[in-house]
């Protein structure tokens, strides 16, 4: 969540232009009982989140990268991040070659990254819950909010407006269904009845 500011860096402005402003999080049961209703502005005036489709985020970052004049190297397996004497960081690849220093290194390869040990001595932990989700047309079910619905403790589904994937594209939402990882195979096998019940 970010506070609104008048001067915005190009990456932020690009994400905000494509994303959907989210002002609150709301959860109710299938019988209409409220579980939670939290507004970001309760934390600070003007505070809100921006929900963005992954393709939108990728596009904004890629356009920013392309405009930066930075180079792109592929085909190198990075084995380690090394601190340099000047406070910057370098990458060592699997063949032992060291890159020049960088002000920032961003590892986006996930929780099981081979570089994780450089940032934490804790290994990745499996999550007790996950979700299956899809990008669907935003038909206005929950404007400006993350909406979740609960059936007892066994079912949770959600709807989150995420804006457009591309400039001028149609508005989208993320529809998600909470699922324990060990239940995925059964969910997939029973997809047709599940879809009909939702």
Protein backbone atom coordinates (compact mmCIF):
# COMPACT_ATOMS: atom_id res chain seq x y z
CA UNK A 1 0.00 0.00 0.00
CA UNK A 2 1.26 3.47 -0.86
CA UNK A 3 0.41 7.02 0.09
CA UNK A 4 -0.66 9.22 -2.82
CA UNK A 5 2.06 11.62 -3.95
CA UNK A 6 2.01 14.28 -6.63
CA UNK A 7 5.36 13.39 -8.22
CA UNK A 8 5.50 9.74 -9.24
CA UNK A 9 8.41 7.78 -10.73
CA UNK A 10 7.61 6.42 -14.23
CA UNK A 11 7.40 2.79 -13.07
CA UNK A 12 4.92 3.64 -10.32
CA UNK A 13 2.87 5.86 -12.64
CA UNK A 14 2.76 3.06 -15.22
CA UNK A 15 1.55 0.49 -12.70
CA UNK A 16 -1.05 2.90 -11.30
CA UNK A 17 -2.30 3.68 -14.82
CA UNK A 18 -2.92 -0.01 -15.55
CA UNK A 19 -3.80 -1.29 -12.07
CA UNK A 20 -6.94 -0.97 -10.00
CA UNK A 21 -7.06 1.18 -6.88
CA UNK A 22 -8.01 -0.91 -3.84
CA UNK A 23 -9.37 0.98 -0.84
CA UNK A 24 -10.60 -1.87 1.34
CA UNK A 25 -10.56 -5.57 2.16
CA UNK A 26 -13.89 -7.19 2.94
CA UNK A 27 -14.83 -10.73 3.93
CA UNK A 28 -18.30 -12.13 4.52
CA UNK A 29 -19.80 -15.56 4.98
CA UNK A 30 -22.19 -17.23 2.56
CA UNK A 31 -24.99 -16.10 4.91
CA UNK A 32 -23.92 -12.45 4.80
CA UNK A 33 -22.21 -12.21 8.20
CA UNK A 34 -19.24 -9.87 8.14
CA UNK A 35 -15.88 -11.47 8.95
CA UNK A 36 -13.84 -8.32 8.36
CA UNK A 37 -14.10 -4.94 6.64
CA UNK A 38 -10.82 -3.04 6.65
CA UNK A 39 -10.17 0.25 4.90
CA UNK A 40 -6.63 1.36 4.16
CA UNK A 41 -7.61 4.93 5.04
CA UNK A 42 -8.11 3.75 8.63
CA UNK A 43 -4.32 3.48 8.80
CA UNK A 44 -3.58 6.85 7.19
CA UNK A 45 -5.59 9.33 5.12
CA UNK A 46 -5.24 8.64 1.40
CA UNK A 47 -3.62 5.25 1.93
CA UNK A 48 -4.62 2.63 -0.65
CA UNK A 49 -3.24 -0.29 -2.61
CA UNK A 50 -2.86 -0.84 -6.34
CA UNK A 51 -3.72 -4.32 -7.61
CA UNK A 52 -2.01 -5.10 -10.90
CA UNK A 53 -2.16 -8.00 -13.33
CA UNK A 54 1.18 -9.78 -13.65
CA UNK A 55 1.32 -9.03 -17.37
CA UNK A 56 0.81 -5.32 -16.63
CA UNK A 57 3.60 -5.30 -14.08
CA UNK A 58 5.88 -7.19 -16.46
CA UNK A 59 5.09 -4.77 -19.29
CA UNK A 60 5.73 -1.67 -17.19
CA UNK A 61 9.01 -3.08 -15.85
CA UNK A 62 10.12 -4.20 -19.31
CA UNK A 63 9.38 -0.80 -20.86
CA UNK A 64 11.28 0.87 -18.00
CA UNK A 65 14.20 -1.47 -18.53
CA UNK A 66 14.20 -0.90 -22.30
CA UNK A 67 14.19 2.88 -21.79
CA UNK A 68 17.04 2.72 -19.26
CA UNK A 69 19.71 1.71 -21.76
CA UNK A 70 20.82 -1.14 -19.48
CA UNK A 71 22.11 -4.35 -21.01
CA UNK A 72 20.56 -7.77 -20.79
CA UNK A 73 22.54 -10.98 -20.48
CA UNK A 74 20.99 -14.40 -20.84
CA UNK A 75 22.31 -17.94 -20.71
CA UNK A 76 24.16 -17.54 -17.42
CA UNK A 77 23.16 -19.53 -14.35
CA UNK A 78 23.76 -17.28 -11.33
CA UNK A 79 25.25 -19.22 -8.43
CA UNK A 80 25.91 -16.51 -5.83
CA UNK A 81 25.58 -12.86 -4.89
CA UNK A 82 28.80 -11.39 -3.55
CA UNK A 83 29.27 -8.16 -1.57
CA UNK A 84 31.93 -5.82 -2.96
CA UNK A 85 34.16 -3.49 -0.94
CA UNK A 86 32.31 -0.42 -2.27
CA UNK A 87 29.00 -1.68 -0.82
CA UNK A 88 27.59 -2.83 -4.13
CA UNK A 89 26.84 -6.43 -5.07
CA UNK A 90 28.10 -8.62 -7.89
CA UNK A 91 26.76 -11.86 -9.30
CA UNK A 92 28.91 -14.95 -9.73
CA UNK A 93 27.76 -17.38 -12.37
CA UNK A 94 28.10 -21.16 -12.34
CA UNK A 95 31.32 -21.00 -14.39
CA UNK A 96 32.90 -18.67 -11.79
CA UNK A 97 32.67 -15.41 -13.77
CA UNK A 98 31.90 -12.31 -11.68
CA UNK A 99 29.78 -9.45 -13.00
CA UNK A 100 30.55 -5.79 -12.39
CA UNK A 101 28.96 -4.31 -9.25
CA UNK A 102 25.29 -3.38 -9.01
CA UNK A 103 23.51 -0.97 -6.68
CA UNK A 104 20.56 -3.35 -6.50
CA UNK A 105 20.16 -7.08 -7.08
CA UNK A 106 16.63 -8.39 -7.36
CA UNK A 107 16.11 -12.17 -7.24
CA UNK A 108 12.66 -12.98 -8.60
CA UNK A 109 13.12 -16.73 -8.91
CA UNK A 110 10.81 -17.63 -6.03
CA UNK A 111 10.99 -19.04 -2.52
CA UNK A 112 13.13 -22.00 -3.61
CA UNK A 113 15.76 -19.73 -5.21
CA UNK A 114 19.30 -21.08 -5.17
CA UNK A 115 20.36 -17.58 -4.00
CA UNK A 116 18.14 -17.63 -0.91
CA UNK A 117 20.99 -18.67 1.40
CA UNK A 118 22.66 -15.31 0.72
CA UNK A 119 19.70 -13.47 2.24
CA UNK A 120 18.38 -15.88 4.87
CA UNK A 121 19.57 -18.90 6.80
CA UNK A 122 16.03 -20.31 6.77
CA UNK A 123 14.96 -22.61 3.97
CA UNK A 124 11.64 -22.21 2.20
CA UNK A 125 8.62 -23.52 4.07
CA UNK A 126 5.66 -25.00 2.24
CA UNK A 127 2.46 -23.05 2.68
CA UNK A 128 -0.48 -24.70 4.43
CA UNK A 129 -2.83 -23.04 1.94
CA UNK A 130 -2.59 -21.87 -1.61
CA UNK A 131 -5.09 -20.88 -4.24
CA UNK A 132 -6.09 -21.58 -7.79
CA UNK A 133 -6.91 -18.42 -9.66
CA UNK A 134 -7.82 -17.07 -13.04
CA UNK A 135 -7.85 -13.68 -14.71
CA UNK A 136 -11.43 -12.98 -15.74
CA UNK A 137 -13.31 -9.96 -17.11
CA UNK A 138 -14.07 -7.55 -14.28
CA UNK A 139 -17.86 -7.35 -14.24
CA UNK A 140 -17.94 -4.96 -11.28
CA UNK A 141 -18.60 -7.42 -8.45
CA UNK A 142 -16.34 -5.60 -5.98
CA UNK A 143 -15.15 -2.20 -7.20
CA UNK A 144 -12.22 -0.85 -5.22
CA UNK A 145 -11.93 -3.83 -2.89
CA UNK A 146 -10.60 -7.30 -2.31
CA UNK A 147 -13.77 -9.29 -1.59
CA UNK A 148 -13.70 -12.72 0.01
CA UNK A 149 -16.55 -15.13 0.74
CA UNK A 150 -16.42 -17.95 3.27
CA UNK A 151 -18.44 -21.12 3.69
CA UNK A 152 -17.60 -22.35 7.20
CA UNK A 153 -13.83 -22.81 7.47
CA UNK A 154 -13.55 -25.10 4.47
CA UNK A 155 -14.22 -22.74 1.55
CA UNK A 156 -12.85 -19.32 0.68
CA UNK A 157 -13.19 -17.64 -2.68
CA UNK A 158 -12.17 -14.16 -3.64
CA UNK A 159 -12.46 -11.42 -6.22
CA UNK A 160 -9.88 -8.70 -6.77
CA UNK A 161 -10.07 -6.07 -9.51
CA UNK A 162 -6.60 -5.88 -11.11
CA UNK A 163 -7.04 -3.26 -13.84
CA UNK A 164 -5.89 -3.96 -17.39
CA UNK A 165 -3.08 -6.21 -18.58
CA UNK A 166 -2.16 -3.81 -21.39
CA UNK A 167 -2.74 -0.12 -22.11
CA UNK A 168 -6.30 0.23 -23.45
CA UNK A 169 -7.12 -3.38 -22.55
CA UNK A 170 -10.33 -4.49 -20.88
CA UNK A 171 -10.62 -4.37 -17.09
CA UNK A 172 -9.80 -7.68 -15.43
CA UNK A 173 -10.19 -9.26 -12.02
CA UNK A 174 -8.47 -12.15 -10.26
CA UNK A 175 -10.93 -14.83 -9.19
CA UNK A 176 -9.35 -17.19 -6.66
CA UNK A 177 -10.29 -20.25 -4.66
CA UNK A 178 -8.36 -21.22 -1.54
CA UNK A 179 -7.01 -24.74 -1.62
CA UNK A 180 -4.60 -26.83 0.41
CA UNK A 181 -1.74 -27.98 -1.83
CA UNK A 182 -2.51 -31.66 -1.21
CA UNK A 183 -6.09 -31.06 -2.41
CA UNK A 184 -5.15 -29.79 -5.87
CA UNK A 185 -5.35 -33.16 -7.66
CA UNK A 186 -8.84 -33.85 -6.30
CA UNK A 187 -9.97 -30.32 -7.21
CA UNK A 188 -8.66 -30.72 -10.77
CA UNK A 189 -10.30 -34.14 -11.14
CA UNK A 190 -13.64 -32.71 -10.00
CA UNK A 191 -13.36 -29.42 -11.89
CA UNK A 192 -16.69 -29.62 -13.76
CA UNK A 193 -18.85 -30.18 -10.64
CA UNK A 194 -16.81 -27.54 -8.78
CA UNK A 195 -17.36 -25.00 -11.56
CA UNK A 196 -21.09 -25.69 -11.56
CA UNK A 197 -21.29 -25.24 -7.78
CA UNK A 198 -19.45 -21.91 -7.82
